[in-house]
Amino acid sequence: MSSSIQEPEVLVIGSCVSSFTARFRIALAEKGIKYDFIEEDLTANKSPLLLKHNPIYKKVPVLVHKSKPICESLIILQYIDETWKQGPPLLPFDPYLKSQAAFWADYINKHVG
């Protein structure tokens, strides 16, 4: 009988020094979501787990929910907000205000972070 290791329901593959990882770890905390965290060494070879869950960009952060990977921190934030309704909303409900939040988050990613 073979024993397979099952991933936790919510897994974060990231780096403690990554502001992109911090962004959605804060969101998970705000929503009260428990998760397992795997620290990815950004200076060494990419781990097989990271390559499995983000084969396109091969970078952190990655949220794995029920064995389904979600990549890119802003997309992960939207996923968290739409998946877990408990806790405060992370994004505005109004489409215009949501578009403005996305604009400024993208601007910060490109020019500040």
PDB file of N, CA and C in Angstrom:
ATOM      1  N   MET A   1       0.860  -1.174   0.000  1.00  0.00           N
ATOM      2  CA  MET A   1       0.000   0.000   0.000  1.00  0.00           C
ATOM      3  C   MET A   1       0.901   1.230   0.000  1.00  0.00           C
ATOM      4  N   SER A   2       0.695   2.128  -0.946  1.00  0.00           N
ATOM      5  CA  SER A   2       1.532   3.329  -1.007  1.00  0.00           C
ATOM      6  C   SER A   2       0.879   4.460  -0.230  1.00  0.00           C
ATOM      7  N   SER A   3       1.741   5.209   0.394  1.00  0.00           N
ATOM      8  CA  SER A   3       1.221   6.352   1.144  1.00  0.00           C
ATOM      9  C   SER A   3       1.572   7.610   0.380  1.00  0.00           C
ATOM     10  N   SER A   4       0.574   8.413   0.107  1.00  0.00           N
ATOM     11  CA  SER A   4       0.834   9.659  -0.611  1.00  0.00           C
ATOM     12  C   SER A   4       0.680  10.825   0.354  1.00  0.00           C
ATOM     13  N   ILE A   5       1.552  11.785   0.152  1.00  0.00           N
ATOM     14  CA  ILE A   5       1.491  12.982   0.983  1.00  0.00           C
ATOM     15  C   ILE A   5       0.483  13.921   0.351  1.00  0.00           C
ATOM     16  N   GLN A   6      -0.484  14.310   1.154  1.00  0.00           N
ATOM     17  CA  GLN A   6      -1.520  15.199   0.655  1.00  0.00           C
ATOM     18  C   GLN A   6      -1.216  16.624   1.077  1.00  0.00           C
ATOM     19  N   GLU A   7      -1.393  17.558   0.140  1.00  0.00           N
ATOM     20  CA  GLU A   7      -1.174  18.960   0.448  1.00  0.00           C
ATOM     21  C   GLU A   7      -2.278  19.453   1.369  1.00  0.00           C
ATOM     22  N   PRO A   8      -1.957  20.445   2.197  1.00  0.00           N
ATOM     23  CA  PRO A   8      -2.996  21.039   3.037  1.00  0.00           C
ATOM     24  C   PRO A   8      -4.036  21.753   2.174  1.00  0.00           C
ATOM     25  N   GLU A   9      -5.180  22.064   2.771  1.00  0.00           N
ATOM     26  CA  GLU A   9      -6.236  22.744   2.003  1.00  0.00           C
ATOM     27  C   GLU A   9      -5.750  24.089   1.467  1.00  0.00           C
ATOM     28  N   VAL A  10      -5.020  24.840   2.304  1.00  0.00           N
ATOM     29  CA  VAL A  10      -4.488  26.139   1.880  1.00  0.00           C
ATOM     30  C   VAL A  10      -2.986  26.131   2.136  1.00  0.00           C
ATOM     31  N   LEU A  11      -2.232  26.326   1.070  1.00  0.00           N
ATOM     32  CA  LEU A  11      -0.785  26.323   1.134  1.00  0.00           C
ATOM     33  C   LEU A  11      -0.258  27.595   0.488  1.00  0.00           C
ATOM     34  N   VAL A  12       0.695  28.223   1.130  1.00  0.00           N
ATOM     35  CA  VAL A  12       1.354  29.403   0.576  1.00  0.00           C
ATOM     36  C   VAL A  12       2.800  29.024   0.288  1.00  0.00           C
ATOM     37  N   ILE A  13       3.216  29.211  -0.949  1.00  0.00           N
ATOM     38  CA  ILE A  13       4.609  29.052  -1.324  1.00  0.00           C
ATOM     39  C   ILE A  13       5.130  30.462  -1.555  1.00  0.00           C
ATOM     40  N   GLY A  14       6.051  30.896  -0.715  1.00  0.00           N
ATOM     41  CA  GLY A  14       6.500  32.265  -0.807  1.00  0.00           C
ATOM     42  C   GLY A  14       7.843  32.487  -0.160  1.00  0.00           C
ATOM     43  N   SER A  15       8.096  33.745   0.127  1.00  0.00           N
ATOM     44  CA  SER A  15       9.335  34.140   0.772  1.00  0.00           C
ATOM     45  C   SER A  15       9.019  35.214   1.802  1.00  0.00           C
ATOM     46  N   CYS A  16       9.638  35.086   2.959  1.00  0.00           N
ATOM     47  CA  CYS A  16       9.416  36.078   4.023  1.00  0.00           C
ATOM     48  C   CYS A  16       9.937  37.457   3.636  1.00  0.00           C
ATOM     49  N   VAL A  17      10.831  37.534   2.660  1.00  0.00           N
ATOM     50  CA  VAL A  17      11.374  38.832   2.243  1.00  0.00           C
ATOM     51  C   VAL A  17      10.630  39.417   1.039  1.00  0.00           C
ATOM     52  N   SER A  18       9.601  38.726   0.570  1.00  0.00           N
ATOM     53  CA  SER A  18       8.849  39.184  -0.589  1.00  0.00           C
ATOM     54  C   SER A  18       7.641  40.007  -0.162  1.00  0.00           C
ATOM     55  N   SER A  19       7.582  41.252  -0.622  1.00  0.00           N
ATOM     56  CA  SER A  19       6.412  42.083  -0.325  1.00  0.00           C
ATOM     57  C   SER A  19       5.169  41.533  -1.028  1.00  0.00           C
ATOM     58  N   PHE A  20       5.353  40.841  -2.138  1.00  0.00           N
ATOM     59  CA  PHE A  20       4.228  40.251  -2.855  1.00  0.00           C
ATOM     60  C   PHE A  20       3.621  39.105  -2.048  1.00  0.00           C
ATOM     61  N   THR A  21       4.476  38.319  -1.393  1.00  0.00           N
ATOM     62  CA  THR A  21       3.988  37.261  -0.512  1.00  0.00           C
ATOM     63  C   THR A  21       3.306  37.871   0.703  1.00  0.00           C
ATOM     64  N   ALA A  22       3.911  38.904   1.275  1.00  0.00           N
ATOM     65  CA  ALA A  22       3.345  39.559   2.460  1.00  0.00           C
ATOM     66  C   ALA A  22       1.956  40.099   2.172  1.00  0.00           C
ATOM     67  N   ARG A  23       1.760  40.618   0.974  1.00  0.00           N
ATOM     68  CA  ARG A  23       0.473  41.215   0.592  1.00  0.00           C
ATOM     69  C   ARG A  23      -0.670  40.245   0.829  1.00  0.00           C
ATOM     70  N   PHE A  24      -0.543  39.035   0.348  1.00  0.00           N
ATOM     71  CA  PHE A  24      -1.691  38.150   0.501  1.00  0.00           C
ATOM     72  C   PHE A  24      -1.650  37.338   1.787  1.00  0.00           C
ATOM     73  N   ARG A  25      -0.508  37.248   2.455  1.00  0.00           N
ATOM     74  CA  ARG A  25      -0.504  36.641   3.789  1.00  0.00           C
ATOM     75  C   ARG A  25      -1.297  37.534   4.757  1.00  0.00           C
ATOM     76  N   ILE A  26      -1.190  38.834   4.580  1.00  0.00           N
ATOM     77  CA  ILE A  26      -1.984  39.778   5.382  1.00  0.00           C
ATOM     78  C   ILE A  26      -3.469  39.589   5.076  1.00  0.00           C
ATOM     79  N   ALA A  27      -3.789  39.412   3.805  1.00  0.00           N
ATOM     80  CA  ALA A  27      -5.185  39.207   3.410  1.00  0.00           C
ATOM     81  C   ALA A  27      -5.745  37.926   4.031  1.00  0.00           C
ATOM     82  N   LEU A  28      -4.960  36.850   4.031  1.00  0.00           N
ATOM     83  CA  LEU A  28      -5.414  35.608   4.656  1.00  0.00           C
ATOM     84  C   LEU A  28      -5.638  35.807   6.151  1.00  0.00           C
ATOM     85  N   ALA A  29      -4.762  36.560   6.797  1.00  0.00           N
ATOM     86  CA  ALA A  29      -4.919  36.844   8.228  1.00  0.00           C
ATOM     87  C   ALA A  29      -6.194  37.657   8.473  1.00  0.00           C
ATOM     88  N   GLU A  30      -6.440  38.654   7.632  1.00  0.00           N
ATOM     89  CA  GLU A  30      -7.647  39.477   7.768  1.00  0.00           C
ATOM     90  C   GLU A  30      -8.914  38.632   7.640  1.00  0.00           C
ATOM     91  N   LYS A  31      -8.861  37.634   6.769  1.00  0.00           N
ATOM     92  CA  LYS A  31     -10.020  36.763   6.558  1.00  0.00           C
ATOM     93  C   LYS A  31     -10.082  35.632   7.584  1.00  0.00           C
ATOM     94  N   GLY A  32      -9.026  35.478   8.393  1.00  0.00           N
ATOM     95  CA  GLY A  32      -9.000  34.423   9.397  1.00  0.00           C
ATOM     96  C   GLY A  32      -8.764  33.041   8.813  1.00  0.00           C
ATOM     97  N   ILE A  33      -8.048  32.963   7.711  1.00  0.00           N
ATOM     98  CA  ILE A  33      -7.802  31.698   7.020  1.00  0.00           C
ATOM     99  C   ILE A  33      -6.482  31.104   7.495  1.00  0.00           C
ATOM    100  N   LYS A  34      -6.542  29.877   7.969  1.00  0.00           N
ATOM    101  CA  LYS A  34      -5.333  29.165   8.376  1.00  0.00           C
ATOM    102  C   LYS A  34      -4.694  28.543   7.133  1.00  0.00           C
ATOM    103  N   TYR A  35      -3.371  28.544   7.118  1.00  0.00           N
ATOM    104  CA  TYR A  35      -2.657  28.002   5.960  1.00  0.00           C
ATOM    105  C   TYR A  35      -1.292  27.483   6.389  1.00  0.00           C
ATOM    106  N   ASP A  36      -0.738  26.629   5.566  1.00  0.00           N
ATOM    107  CA  ASP A  36       0.634  26.177   5.747  1.00  0.00           C
ATOM    108  C   ASP A  36       1.520  27.053   4.859  1.00  0.00           C
ATOM    109  N   PHE A  37       2.726  27.320   5.337  1.00  0.00           N
ATOM    110  CA  PHE A  37       3.646  28.191   4.600  1.00  0.00           C
ATOM    111  C   PHE A  37       4.918  27.420   4.279  1.00  0.00           C
ATOM    112  N   ILE A  38       5.330  27.501   3.040  1.00  0.00           N
ATOM    113  CA  ILE A  38       6.603  26.918   2.621  1.00  0.00           C
ATOM    114  C   ILE A  38       7.488  28.053   2.124  1.00  0.00           C
ATOM    115  N   GLU A  39       8.612  28.213   2.795  1.00  0.00           N
ATOM    116  CA  GLU A  39       9.589  29.249   2.431  1.00  0.00           C
ATOM    117  C   GLU A  39      10.387  28.773   1.225  1.00  0.00           C
ATOM    118  N   GLU A  40      10.356  29.561   0.190  1.00  0.00           N
ATOM    119  CA  GLU A  40      11.112  29.263  -1.028  1.00  0.00           C
ATOM    120  C   GLU A  40      12.428  30.033  -0.957  1.00  0.00           C
ATOM    121  N   ASP A  41      13.524  29.346  -1.169  1.00  0.00           N
ATOM    122  CA  ASP A  41      14.836  29.993  -1.195  1.00  0.00           C
ATOM    123  C   ASP A  41      15.000  30.659  -2.551  1.00  0.00           C
ATOM    124  N   LEU A  42      14.989  31.980  -2.560  1.00  0.00           N
ATOM    125  CA  LEU A  42      15.025  32.714  -3.821  1.00  0.00           C
ATOM    126  C   LEU A  42      16.417  32.766  -4.444  1.00  0.00           C
ATOM    127  N   THR A  43      17.448  32.398  -3.675  1.00  0.00           N
ATOM    128  CA  THR A  43      18.800  32.469  -4.210  1.00  0.00           C
ATOM    129  C   THR A  43      19.283  31.136  -4.767  1.00  0.00           C
ATOM    130  N   ALA A  44      18.606  30.058  -4.454  1.00  0.00           N
ATOM    131  CA  ALA A  44      19.021  28.722  -4.901  1.00  0.00           C
ATOM    132  C   ALA A  44      18.137  28.261  -6.057  1.00  0.00           C
ATOM    133  N   ASN A  45      18.299  27.023  -6.413  1.00  0.00           N
ATOM    134  CA  ASN A  45      17.446  26.432  -7.451  1.00  0.00           C
ATOM    135  C   ASN A  45      15.999  26.425  -6.992  1.00  0.00           C
ATOM    136  N   LYS A  46      15.113  26.550  -7.931  1.00  0.00           N
ATOM    137  CA  LYS A  46      13.682  26.535  -7.631  1.00  0.00           C
ATOM    138  C   LYS A  46      13.286  25.139  -7.159  1.00  0.00           C
ATOM    139  N   SER A  47      12.423  25.089  -6.161  1.00  0.00           N
ATOM    140  CA  SER A  47      11.994  23.798  -5.629  1.00  0.00           C
ATOM    141  C   SER A  47      11.048  23.119  -6.614  1.00  0.00           C
ATOM    142  N   PRO A  48      10.995  21.793  -6.574  1.00  0.00           N
ATOM    143  CA  PRO A  48      10.037  21.064  -7.429  1.00  0.00           C
ATOM    144  C   PRO A  48       8.593  21.483  -7.160  1.00  0.00           C
ATOM    145  N   LEU A  49       8.277  21.809  -5.896  1.00  0.00           N
ATOM    146  CA  LEU A  49       6.916  22.227  -5.564  1.00  0.00           C
ATOM    147  C   LEU A  49       6.567  23.545  -6.252  1.00  0.00           C
ATOM    148  N   LEU A  50       7.481  24.503  -6.232  1.00  0.00           N
ATOM    149  CA  LEU A  50       7.239  25.775  -6.912  1.00  0.00           C
ATOM    150  C   LEU A  50       7.097  25.558  -8.416  1.00  0.00           C
ATOM    151  N   LEU A  51       7.982  24.765  -8.996  1.00  0.00           N
ATOM    152  CA  LEU A  51       7.925  24.518 -10.442  1.00  0.00           C
ATOM    153  C   LEU A  51       6.647  23.785 -10.836  1.00  0.00           C
ATOM    154  N   LYS A  52       6.160  22.927  -9.965  1.00  0.00           N
ATOM    155  CA  LYS A  52       4.904  22.220 -10.223  1.00  0.00           C
ATOM    156  C   LYS A  52       3.731  23.186 -10.251  1.00  0.00           C
ATOM    157  N   HIS A  53       3.714  24.132  -9.295  1.00  0.00           N
ATOM    158  CA  HIS A  53       2.545  24.999  -9.153  1.00  0.00           C
ATOM    159  C   HIS A  53       2.644  26.321  -9.913  1.00  0.00           C
ATOM    160  N   ASN A  54       3.829  26.700 -10.343  1.00  0.00           N
ATOM    161  CA  ASN A  54       3.980  27.914 -11.159  1.00  0.00           C
ATOM    162  C   ASN A  54       4.993  27.644 -12.270  1.00  0.00           C
ATOM    163  N   PRO A  55       4.647  26.753 -13.194  1.00  0.00           N
ATOM    164  CA  PRO A  55       5.606  26.381 -14.236  1.00  0.00           C
ATOM    165  C   PRO A  55       5.861  27.480 -15.270  1.00  0.00           C
ATOM    166  N   ILE A  56       4.984  28.464 -15.360  1.00  0.00           N
ATOM    167  CA  ILE A  56       5.148  29.523 -16.353  1.00  0.00           C
ATOM    168  C   ILE A  56       6.178  30.553 -15.883  1.00  0.00           C
ATOM    169  N   TYR A  57       5.921  31.198 -14.738  1.00  0.00           N
ATOM    170  CA  TYR A  57       6.813  32.247 -14.245  1.00  0.00           C
ATOM    171  C   TYR A  57       7.893  31.720 -13.307  1.00  0.00           C
ATOM    172  N   LYS A  58       7.624  30.577 -12.669  1.00  0.00           N
ATOM    173  CA  LYS A  58       8.603  29.953 -11.765  1.00  0.00           C
ATOM    174  C   LYS A  58       9.036  30.902 -10.645  1.00  0.00           C
ATOM    175  N   LYS A  59       8.043  31.614 -10.074  1.00  0.00           N
ATOM    176  CA  LYS A  59       8.366  32.556  -9.006  1.00  0.00           C
ATOM    177  C   LYS A  59       7.265  32.559  -7.955  1.00  0.00           C
ATOM    178  N   VAL A  60       7.603  33.111  -6.805  1.00  0.00           N
ATOM    179  CA  VAL A  60       6.640  33.266  -5.720  1.00  0.00           C
ATOM    180  C   VAL A  60       5.978  34.623  -5.883  1.00  0.00           C
ATOM    181  N   PRO A  61       4.811  34.759  -5.295  1.00  0.00           N
ATOM    182  CA  PRO A  61       4.072  33.844  -4.443  1.00  0.00           C
ATOM    183  C   PRO A  61       3.115  32.955  -5.235  1.00  0.00           C
ATOM    184  N   VAL A  62       2.753  31.853  -4.586  1.00  0.00           N
ATOM    185  CA  VAL A  62       1.732  30.958  -5.113  1.00  0.00           C
ATOM    186  C   VAL A  62       0.822  30.573  -3.948  1.00  0.00           C
ATOM    187  N   LEU A  63      -0.468  30.672  -4.167  1.00  0.00           N
ATOM    188  CA  LEU A  63      -1.462  30.166  -3.226  1.00  0.00           C
ATOM    189  C   LEU A  63      -1.994  28.869  -3.823  1.00  0.00           C
ATOM    190  N   VAL A  64      -1.974  27.803  -3.043  1.00  0.00           N
ATOM    191  CA  VAL A  64      -2.533  26.535  -3.496  1.00  0.00           C
ATOM    192  C   VAL A  64      -3.735  26.255  -2.605  1.00  0.00           C
ATOM    193  N   HIS A  65      -4.915  26.252  -3.219  1.00  0.00           N
ATOM    194  CA  HIS A  65      -6.157  26.006  -2.482  1.00  0.00           C
ATOM    195  C   HIS A  65      -6.806  24.750  -3.043  1.00  0.00           C
ATOM    196  N   LYS A  66      -6.948  23.752  -2.181  1.00  0.00           N
ATOM    197  CA  LYS A  66      -7.522  22.464  -2.587  1.00  0.00           C
ATOM    198  C   LYS A  66      -6.793  21.912  -3.814  1.00  0.00           C
ATOM    199  N   SER A  67      -5.460  21.980  -3.768  1.00  0.00           N
ATOM    200  CA  SER A  67      -4.559  21.465  -4.810  1.00  0.00           C
ATOM    201  C   SER A  67      -4.605  22.254  -6.116  1.00  0.00           C
ATOM    202  N   LYS A  68      -5.264  23.406  -6.122  1.00  0.00           N
ATOM    203  CA  LYS A  68      -5.324  24.246  -7.322  1.00  0.00           C
ATOM    204  C   LYS A  68      -4.460  25.491  -7.098  1.00  0.00           C
ATOM    205  N   PRO A  69      -3.443  25.708  -7.934  1.00  0.00           N
ATOM    206  CA  PRO A  69      -2.561  26.858  -7.738  1.00  0.00           C
ATOM    207  C   PRO A  69      -3.133  28.146  -8.327  1.00  0.00           C
ATOM    208  N   ILE A  70      -2.902  29.233  -7.605  1.00  0.00           N
ATOM    209  CA  ILE A  70      -3.229  30.572  -8.071  1.00  0.00           C
ATOM    210  C   ILE A  70      -1.947  31.377  -7.947  1.00  0.00           C
ATOM    211  N   CYS A  71      -1.544  32.043  -9.021  1.00  0.00           N
ATOM    212  CA  CYS A  71      -0.288  32.781  -9.051  1.00  0.00           C
ATOM    213  C   CYS A  71      -0.539  34.277  -9.239  1.00  0.00           C
ATOM    214  N   GLU A  72       0.470  35.055  -8.883  1.00  0.00           N
ATOM    215  CA  GLU A  72       0.465  36.517  -8.978  1.00  0.00           C
ATOM    216  C   GLU A  72      -0.365  37.121  -7.842  1.00  0.00           C
ATOM    217  N   SER A  73       0.269  37.950  -7.059  1.00  0.00           N
ATOM    218  CA  SER A  73      -0.309  38.420  -5.799  1.00  0.00           C
ATOM    219  C   SER A  73      -1.636  39.160  -5.949  1.00  0.00           C
ATOM    220  N   LEU A  74      -1.786  39.985  -6.965  1.00  0.00           N
ATOM    221  CA  LEU A  74      -3.057  40.710  -7.128  1.00  0.00           C
ATOM    222  C   LEU A  74      -4.193  39.766  -7.518  1.00  0.00           C
ATOM    223  N   ILE A  75      -3.886  38.766  -8.327  1.00  0.00           N
ATOM    224  CA  ILE A  75      -4.886  37.766  -8.693  1.00  0.00           C
ATOM    225  C   ILE A  75      -5.240  36.932  -7.463  1.00  0.00           C
ATOM    226  N   ILE A  76      -4.239  36.623  -6.651  1.00  0.00           N
ATOM    227  CA  ILE A  76      -4.467  35.870  -5.419  1.00  0.00           C
ATOM    228  C   ILE A  76      -5.373  36.662  -4.475  1.00  0.00           C
ATOM    229  N   LEU A  77      -5.142  37.964  -4.346  1.00  0.00           N
ATOM    230  CA  LEU A  77      -5.999  38.795  -3.484  1.00  0.00           C
ATOM    231  C   LEU A  77      -7.453  38.729  -3.937  1.00  0.00           C
ATOM    232  N   GLN A  78      -7.665  38.850  -5.225  1.00  0.00           N
ATOM    233  CA  GLN A  78      -9.028  38.792  -5.750  1.00  0.00           C
ATOM    234  C   GLN A  78      -9.638  37.425  -5.464  1.00  0.00           C
ATOM    235  N   TYR A  79      -8.865  36.378  -5.644  1.00  0.00           N
ATOM    236  CA  TYR A  79      -9.357  35.019  -5.366  1.00  0.00           C
ATOM    237  C   TYR A  79      -9.742  34.864  -3.893  1.00  0.00           C
ATOM    238  N   ILE A  80      -8.876  35.333  -3.002  1.00  0.00           N
ATOM    239  CA  ILE A  80      -9.161  35.257  -1.559  1.00  0.00           C
ATOM    240  C   ILE A  80     -10.464  35.985  -1.240  1.00  0.00           C
ATOM    241  N   ASP A  81     -10.606  37.188  -1.779  1.00  0.00           N
ATOM    242  CA  ASP A  81     -11.788  38.002  -1.497  1.00  0.00           C
ATOM    243  C   ASP A  81     -13.063  37.335  -1.996  1.00  0.00           C
ATOM    244  N   GLU A  82     -12.995  36.684  -3.156  1.00  0.00           N
ATOM    245  CA  GLU A  82     -14.184  36.059  -3.732  1.00  0.00           C
ATOM    246  C   GLU A  82     -14.473  34.679  -3.137  1.00  0.00           C
ATOM    247  N   THR A  83     -13.450  34.019  -2.611  1.00  0.00           N
ATOM    248  CA  THR A  83     -13.614  32.660  -2.082  1.00  0.00           C
ATOM    249  C   THR A  83     -14.065  32.650  -0.636  1.00  0.00           C
ATOM    250  N   TRP A  84     -13.459  33.494   0.193  1.00  0.00           N
ATOM    251  CA  TRP A  84     -13.765  33.521   1.619  1.00  0.00           C
ATOM    252  C   TRP A  84     -14.483  34.820   1.947  1.00  0.00           C
ATOM    253  N   LYS A  85     -15.761  34.698   2.267  1.00  0.00           N
ATOM    254  CA  LYS A  85     -16.593  35.878   2.518  1.00  0.00           C
ATOM    255  C   LYS A  85     -16.482  36.388   3.951  1.00  0.00           C
ATOM    256  N   GLN A  86     -15.982  35.533   4.886  1.00  0.00           N
ATOM    257  CA  GLN A  86     -15.859  35.989   6.270  1.00  0.00           C
ATOM    258  C   GLN A  86     -14.789  37.074   6.357  1.00  0.00           C
ATOM    259  N   GLY A  87     -14.883  37.864   7.387  1.00  0.00           N
ATOM    260  CA  GLY A  87     -13.917  38.953   7.561  1.00  0.00           C
ATOM    261  C   GLY A  87     -14.235  40.113   6.644  1.00  0.00           C
ATOM    262  N   PRO A  88     -13.411  41.137   6.717  1.00  0.00           N
ATOM    263  CA  PRO A  88     -13.677  42.338   5.918  1.00  0.00           C
ATOM    264  C   PRO A  88     -13.400  42.104   4.432  1.00  0.00           C
ATOM    265  N   PRO A  89     -14.132  42.810   3.571  1.00  0.00           N
ATOM    266  CA  PRO A  89     -13.815  42.705   2.143  1.00  0.00           C
ATOM    267  C   PRO A  89     -12.435  43.316   1.885  1.00  0.00           C
ATOM    268  N   LEU A  90     -11.720  42.737   0.952  1.00  0.00           N
ATOM    269  CA  LEU A  90     -10.389  43.241   0.601  1.00  0.00           C
ATOM    270  C   LEU A  90     -10.448  44.270  -0.513  1.00  0.00           C
ATOM    271  N   LEU A  91     -11.466  44.149  -1.357  1.00  0.00           N
ATOM    272  CA  LEU A  91     -11.622  45.051  -2.497  1.00  0.00           C
ATOM    273  C   LEU A  91     -13.016  45.674  -2.453  1.00  0.00           C
ATOM    274  N   PRO A  92     -13.160  46.867  -3.012  1.00  0.00           N
ATOM    275  CA  PRO A  92     -14.490  47.487  -3.051  1.00  0.00           C
ATOM    276  C   PRO A  92     -15.458  46.659  -3.898  1.00  0.00           C
ATOM    277  N   PHE A  93     -16.748  46.784  -3.611  1.00  0.00           N
ATOM    278  CA  PHE A  93     -17.770  46.098  -4.399  1.00  0.00           C
ATOM    279  C   PHE A  93     -18.071  46.862  -5.684  1.00  0.00           C
ATOM    280  N   ASP A  94     -18.019  48.170  -5.620  1.00  0.00           N
ATOM    281  CA  ASP A  94     -18.317  49.015  -6.773  1.00  0.00           C
ATOM    282  C   ASP A  94     -17.276  48.759  -7.871  1.00  0.00           C
ATOM    283  N   PRO A  95     -17.725  48.467  -9.101  1.00  0.00           N
ATOM    284  CA  PRO A  95     -16.783  48.162 -10.182  1.00  0.00           C
ATOM    285  C   PRO A  95     -15.775  49.289 -10.456  1.00  0.00           C
ATOM    286  N   TYR A  96     -16.225  50.544 -10.398  1.00  0.00           N
ATOM    287  CA  TYR A  96     -15.299  51.646 -10.645  1.00  0.00           C
ATOM    288  C   TYR A  96     -14.238  51.726  -9.551  1.00  0.00           C
ATOM    289  N   LEU A  97     -14.677  51.645  -8.300  1.00  0.00           N
ATOM    290  CA  LEU A  97     -13.718  51.704  -7.195  1.00  0.00           C
ATOM    291  C   LEU A  97     -12.774  50.503  -7.222  1.00  0.00           C
ATOM    292  N   LYS A  98     -13.289  49.350  -7.627  1.00  0.00           N
ATOM    293  CA  LYS A  98     -12.437  48.164  -7.752  1.00  0.00           C
ATOM    294  C   LYS A  98     -11.387  48.385  -8.843  1.00  0.00           C
ATOM    295  N   SER A  99     -11.782  48.999  -9.943  1.00  0.00           N
ATOM    296  CA  SER A  99     -10.827  49.266 -11.024  1.00  0.00           C
ATOM    297  C   SER A  99      -9.753  50.257 -10.567  1.00  0.00           C
ATOM    298  N   GLN A 100     -10.145  51.227  -9.747  1.00  0.00           N
ATOM    299  CA  GLN A 100      -9.167  52.187  -9.226  1.00  0.00           C
ATOM    300  C   GLN A 100      -8.185  51.519  -8.269  1.00  0.00           C
ATOM    301  N   ALA A 101      -8.676  50.620  -7.436  1.00  0.00           N
ATOM    302  CA  ALA A 101      -7.797  49.876  -6.524  1.00  0.00           C
ATOM    303  C   ALA A 101      -6.812  49.028  -7.327  1.00  0.00           C
ATOM    304  N   ALA A 102      -7.288  48.385  -8.392  1.00  0.00           N
ATOM    305  CA  ALA A 102      -6.413  47.565  -9.237  1.00  0.00           C
ATOM    306  C   ALA A 102      -5.371  48.433  -9.934  1.00  0.00           C
ATOM    307  N   PHE A 103      -5.782  49.621 -10.395  1.00  0.00           N
ATOM    308  CA  PHE A 103      -4.843  50.537 -11.039  1.00  0.00           C
ATOM    309  C   PHE A 103      -3.701  50.908 -10.097  1.00  0.00           C
ATOM    310  N   TRP A 104      -4.058  51.324  -8.877  1.00  0.00           N
ATOM    311  CA  TRP A 104      -3.022  51.767  -7.943  1.00  0.00           C
ATOM    312  C   TRP A 104      -2.149  50.618  -7.462  1.00  0.00           C
ATOM    313  N   ALA A 105      -2.719  49.449  -7.302  1.00  0.00           N
ATOM    314  CA  ALA A 105      -1.917  48.281  -6.930  1.00  0.00           C
ATOM    315  C   ALA A 105      -0.923  47.958  -8.044  1.00  0.00           C
ATOM    316  N   ASP A 106      -1.377  48.025  -9.286  1.00  0.00           N
ATOM    317  CA  ASP A 106      -0.493  47.776 -10.435  1.00  0.00           C
ATOM    318  C   ASP A 106       0.594  48.852 -10.514  1.00  0.00           C
ATOM    319  N   TYR A 107       0.220  50.089 -10.281  1.00  0.00           N
ATOM    320  CA  TYR A 107       1.199  51.189 -10.307  1.00  0.00           C
ATOM    321  C   TYR A 107       2.287  50.966  -9.261  1.00  0.00           C
ATOM    322  N   ILE A 108       1.873  50.605  -8.062  1.00  0.00           N
ATOM    323  CA  ILE A 108       2.837  50.358  -6.973  1.00  0.00           C
ATOM    324  C   ILE A 108       3.737  49.188  -7.347  1.00  0.00           C
ATOM    325  N   ASN A 109       3.167  48.137  -7.926  1.00  0.00           N
ATOM    326  CA  ASN A 109       3.985  46.992  -8.353  1.00  0.00           C
ATOM    327  C   ASN A 109       5.067  47.417  -9.323  1.00  0.00           C
ATOM    328  N   LYS A 110       4.718  48.272 -10.271  1.00  0.00           N
ATOM    329  CA  LYS A 110       5.644  48.642 -11.332  1.00  0.00           C
ATOM    330  C   LYS A 110       6.613  49.754 -10.965  1.00  0.00           C
ATOM    331  N   HIS A 111       6.202  50.645 -10.056  1.00  0.00           N
ATOM    332  CA  HIS A 111       7.027  51.826  -9.797  1.00  0.00           C
ATOM    333  C   HIS A 111       7.585  51.950  -8.389  1.00  0.00           C
ATOM    334  N   VAL A 112       6.989  51.248  -7.453  1.00  0.00           N
ATOM    335  CA  VAL A 112       7.431  51.383  -6.052  1.00  0.00           C
ATOM    336  C   VAL A 112       8.042  50.078  -5.555  1.00  0.00           C
ATOM    337  N   GLY A 113       7.294  48.965  -5.741  1.00  0.00           N
ATOM    338  CA  GLY A 113       7.726  47.685  -5.220  1.00  0.00           C
ATOM    339  C   GLY A 113       8.787  47.090  -6.056  1.00  0.00           C
TER     340      GLY A 113
END
